[in-house]
N, C-alpha and C. Protein backbone atom coordinates (compact mmCIF):
# COMPACT_ATOMS: atom_id res chain seq x y z
N MET A 1 7.70 98.63 53.22
CA MET A 1 8.46 98.98 52.07
C MET A 1 8.56 98.01 50.85
N PRO A 2 8.42 96.75 51.17
CA PRO A 2 8.43 95.87 50.02
C PRO A 2 7.22 95.90 49.15
N HIS A 3 6.19 96.46 49.47
CA HIS A 3 4.93 96.55 48.66
C HIS A 3 4.79 98.07 48.17
N ALA A 4 5.71 98.87 48.42
CA ALA A 4 5.54 100.32 47.95
C ALA A 4 6.05 100.35 46.53
N ALA A 5 5.33 101.06 45.75
CA ALA A 5 5.73 101.45 44.41
C ALA A 5 6.55 102.67 44.40
N ALA A 6 6.46 103.53 45.31
CA ALA A 6 7.30 104.80 45.40
C ALA A 6 7.08 105.32 46.87
N VAL A 7 7.90 106.20 47.33
CA VAL A 7 7.90 106.93 48.48
C VAL A 7 7.89 108.34 48.32
N ILE A 8 7.04 109.09 49.06
CA ILE A 8 7.08 110.50 49.00
C ILE A 8 7.31 110.99 50.39
N GLY A 9 8.45 111.82 50.60
CA GLY A 9 8.84 112.09 51.89
C GLY A 9 9.60 113.39 51.86
N HIS A 10 10.01 113.89 53.08
CA HIS A 10 10.77 115.17 53.32
C HIS A 10 12.15 114.98 53.34
N GLY A 11 12.72 113.79 53.13
CA GLY A 11 14.33 113.63 53.11
C GLY A 11 14.79 113.40 54.35
N GLY A 12 13.96 113.03 55.39
CA GLY A 12 14.44 112.57 56.70
C GLY A 12 15.22 111.29 56.53
N PHE A 13 16.20 111.11 57.41
CA PHE A 13 17.15 109.79 57.31
C PHE A 13 16.26 108.55 57.23
N GLY A 14 15.37 108.38 58.16
CA GLY A 14 14.73 106.98 58.24
C GLY A 14 14.05 106.46 57.00
N ALA A 15 13.10 107.27 56.51
CA ALA A 15 12.50 106.90 55.15
C ALA A 15 13.37 106.83 53.96
N THR A 16 14.23 107.78 54.02
CA THR A 16 15.22 107.81 52.90
C THR A 16 16.23 106.66 52.84
N ILE A 17 16.71 106.24 53.93
CA ILE A 17 17.64 105.05 53.81
C ILE A 17 16.74 103.80 53.67
N THR A 18 15.59 103.68 54.22
CA THR A 18 14.86 102.49 54.12
C THR A 18 14.36 102.41 52.70
N SER A 19 13.94 103.39 52.09
CA SER A 19 13.70 103.36 50.58
C SER A 19 14.86 102.99 49.75
N LEU A 20 15.96 103.56 50.07
CA LEU A 20 17.14 103.18 49.26
C LEU A 20 17.45 101.77 49.32
N ALA A 21 17.44 101.33 50.69
CA ALA A 21 17.78 99.87 50.94
C ALA A 21 16.98 98.98 50.21
N ALA A 22 15.55 99.38 50.06
CA ALA A 22 14.69 98.39 49.47
C ALA A 22 14.42 98.56 48.00
N GLY A 23 15.18 99.57 47.36
CA GLY A 23 15.17 99.85 46.02
C GLY A 23 13.84 100.53 45.54
N VAL A 24 13.29 101.26 46.43
CA VAL A 24 12.02 101.89 46.14
C VAL A 24 12.21 103.36 45.76
N PRO A 25 11.89 103.86 44.55
CA PRO A 25 12.08 105.09 44.09
C PRO A 25 11.36 106.19 45.01
N GLN A 26 11.93 107.38 45.06
CA GLN A 26 11.52 108.31 46.04
C GLN A 26 11.23 109.70 45.18
N VAL A 27 10.30 110.44 45.81
CA VAL A 27 10.17 111.85 45.52
C VAL A 27 10.36 112.52 46.83
N VAL A 28 11.37 113.52 46.88
CA VAL A 28 11.77 113.97 48.00
C VAL A 28 11.45 115.46 48.05
N LEU A 29 10.74 116.02 49.09
CA LEU A 29 10.47 117.35 49.03
C LEU A 29 11.00 117.87 50.38
N PRO A 30 12.33 118.30 50.55
CA PRO A 30 12.86 118.86 51.85
C PRO A 30 12.19 120.02 52.34
N LEU A 31 11.91 120.16 53.61
CA LEU A 31 11.11 121.12 54.11
C LEU A 31 11.97 122.07 55.06
N PHE A 32 12.76 121.55 56.02
CA PHE A 32 13.21 122.52 57.03
C PHE A 32 14.59 122.07 57.54
N ALA A 33 14.97 120.95 57.67
CA ALA A 33 16.35 120.61 58.20
C ALA A 33 17.39 120.44 57.17
N PHE A 34 18.61 120.78 57.54
CA PHE A 34 19.73 120.66 56.44
C PHE A 34 19.92 119.38 55.93
N ASP A 35 19.86 118.26 56.72
CA ASP A 35 19.97 116.94 56.15
C ASP A 35 19.01 116.60 55.19
N GLN A 36 17.70 117.00 55.41
CA GLN A 36 16.64 116.86 54.32
C GLN A 36 17.21 117.28 52.84
N PHE A 37 17.70 118.45 52.81
CA PHE A 37 18.14 118.98 51.55
C PHE A 37 19.34 118.09 51.04
N VAL A 38 20.24 117.87 51.93
CA VAL A 38 21.39 116.91 51.54
C VAL A 38 20.88 115.53 51.04
N ASN A 39 20.10 114.94 51.87
CA ASN A 39 19.47 113.70 51.27
C ASN A 39 18.69 113.77 50.06
N ALA A 40 17.93 114.73 49.91
CA ALA A 40 17.21 114.81 48.62
C ALA A 40 18.03 115.07 47.47
N GLU A 41 19.03 115.88 47.55
CA GLU A 41 19.86 116.16 46.48
C GLU A 41 20.79 114.83 46.19
N ARG A 42 21.05 113.98 47.12
CA ARG A 42 21.84 112.79 46.96
C ARG A 42 20.89 111.74 46.34
N VAL A 43 19.69 111.65 46.70
CA VAL A 43 18.74 110.69 46.18
C VAL A 43 18.68 110.98 44.61
N ALA A 44 18.59 112.18 44.28
CA ALA A 44 18.54 112.58 42.86
C ALA A 44 19.89 112.33 42.12
N ALA A 45 20.89 112.59 42.83
CA ALA A 45 22.11 112.38 42.15
C ALA A 45 22.62 111.01 41.78
N VAL A 46 22.02 110.11 42.63
CA VAL A 46 22.40 108.57 42.32
C VAL A 46 21.25 107.98 41.52
N GLY A 47 20.30 108.78 41.09
CA GLY A 47 19.26 108.28 40.23
C GLY A 47 18.21 107.47 40.95
N ALA A 48 17.96 107.65 42.13
CA ALA A 48 17.08 106.84 42.99
C ALA A 48 15.69 107.56 43.10
N GLY A 49 15.72 108.79 42.59
CA GLY A 49 14.42 109.59 42.72
C GLY A 49 14.56 110.89 42.28
N VAL A 50 13.53 111.81 42.73
CA VAL A 50 13.48 113.20 42.31
C VAL A 50 13.51 113.99 43.54
N CYS A 51 14.17 115.05 43.42
CA CYS A 51 14.31 116.11 44.40
C CYS A 51 13.46 117.24 44.08
N LEU A 52 12.47 117.69 44.81
CA LEU A 52 11.70 118.94 44.52
C LEU A 52 12.20 120.03 45.44
N GLU A 53 12.33 121.11 44.83
CA GLU A 53 12.92 122.24 45.55
C GLU A 53 11.76 123.25 45.82
N GLY A 54 11.96 124.17 46.67
CA GLY A 54 10.95 125.07 47.03
C GLY A 54 10.13 124.99 48.28
N GLY A 55 10.43 124.09 49.07
CA GLY A 55 9.78 123.77 50.29
C GLY A 55 8.27 123.48 50.16
N VAL A 56 7.38 124.06 50.80
CA VAL A 56 6.02 123.81 50.75
C VAL A 56 5.52 124.18 49.35
N ALA A 57 6.10 125.21 48.82
CA ALA A 57 5.67 125.52 47.41
C ALA A 57 5.91 124.51 46.30
N GLY A 58 6.81 123.66 46.66
CA GLY A 58 7.22 122.52 45.85
C GLY A 58 6.19 121.54 45.60
N VAL A 59 5.15 121.47 46.51
CA VAL A 59 3.92 120.58 46.44
C VAL A 59 3.33 120.73 45.22
N SER A 60 3.33 121.83 44.54
CA SER A 60 2.56 121.95 43.23
C SER A 60 3.31 121.09 42.23
N LYS A 61 4.41 120.71 42.38
CA LYS A 61 5.17 119.86 41.43
C LYS A 61 5.02 118.41 41.77
N LEU A 62 4.32 117.99 42.78
CA LEU A 62 4.37 116.65 43.36
C LEU A 62 3.83 115.66 42.35
N ALA A 63 2.63 115.86 41.88
CA ALA A 63 1.92 115.01 41.01
C ALA A 63 2.76 114.67 39.74
N SER A 64 3.40 115.76 39.23
CA SER A 64 4.29 115.51 38.06
C SER A 64 5.48 114.67 38.42
N ALA A 65 6.01 114.91 39.46
CA ALA A 65 7.26 114.20 39.90
C ALA A 65 6.95 112.66 40.18
N VAL A 66 5.74 112.42 40.83
CA VAL A 66 5.32 111.10 41.08
C VAL A 66 5.10 110.28 39.75
N ALA A 67 4.51 111.00 38.81
CA ALA A 67 4.25 110.34 37.48
C ALA A 67 5.67 110.07 36.84
N ASP A 68 6.60 110.96 37.02
CA ASP A 68 7.89 110.79 36.36
C ASP A 68 8.52 109.48 36.97
N VAL A 69 8.45 109.34 38.35
CA VAL A 69 9.07 108.30 39.05
C VAL A 69 8.49 106.96 38.66
N PHE A 70 7.08 106.98 38.56
CA PHE A 70 6.42 105.79 38.03
C PHE A 70 6.64 105.46 36.48
N GLY A 71 6.91 106.44 35.84
CA GLY A 71 7.15 106.33 34.36
C GLY A 71 8.49 105.84 33.91
N ARG A 72 9.61 105.92 34.92
CA ARG A 72 10.88 105.59 34.41
C ARG A 72 11.42 104.35 35.43
N SER A 73 11.61 103.23 34.74
CA SER A 73 12.14 102.07 35.50
C SER A 73 13.51 102.28 36.16
N ALA A 74 14.25 103.32 35.46
CA ALA A 74 15.58 103.53 35.95
C ALA A 74 15.61 103.99 37.42
N TYR A 75 14.55 104.57 37.91
CA TYR A 75 14.59 105.01 39.26
C TYR A 75 14.48 103.84 40.22
N ARG A 76 13.85 102.86 39.83
CA ARG A 76 13.74 101.58 40.59
C ARG A 76 15.06 100.86 40.75
N GLN A 77 15.80 101.08 39.64
CA GLN A 77 17.17 100.55 39.54
C GLN A 77 18.24 101.42 40.16
N GLY A 78 17.89 102.67 40.45
CA GLY A 78 18.95 103.59 41.09
C GLY A 78 19.89 104.02 40.02
N ARG A 79 19.48 104.18 38.82
CA ARG A 79 20.52 104.68 37.81
C ARG A 79 19.75 105.38 36.69
């Protein structure tokens, strides 16, 4: 995680909390479990990344979301 510029994940607890602890911005695309949706919404709410909705269909927004995360230093700062 110390060398990551961003994390793309499904909102599982492990990668989500590790990214938050390391200050690495996230693009979260929750897929199937309730906690993934909660984690994704919380990451977005605290300004630590982007939550993509729509499950697998949300993949079409992935490139744009990653560019957004890279383009805003506020995501790295979590605000």
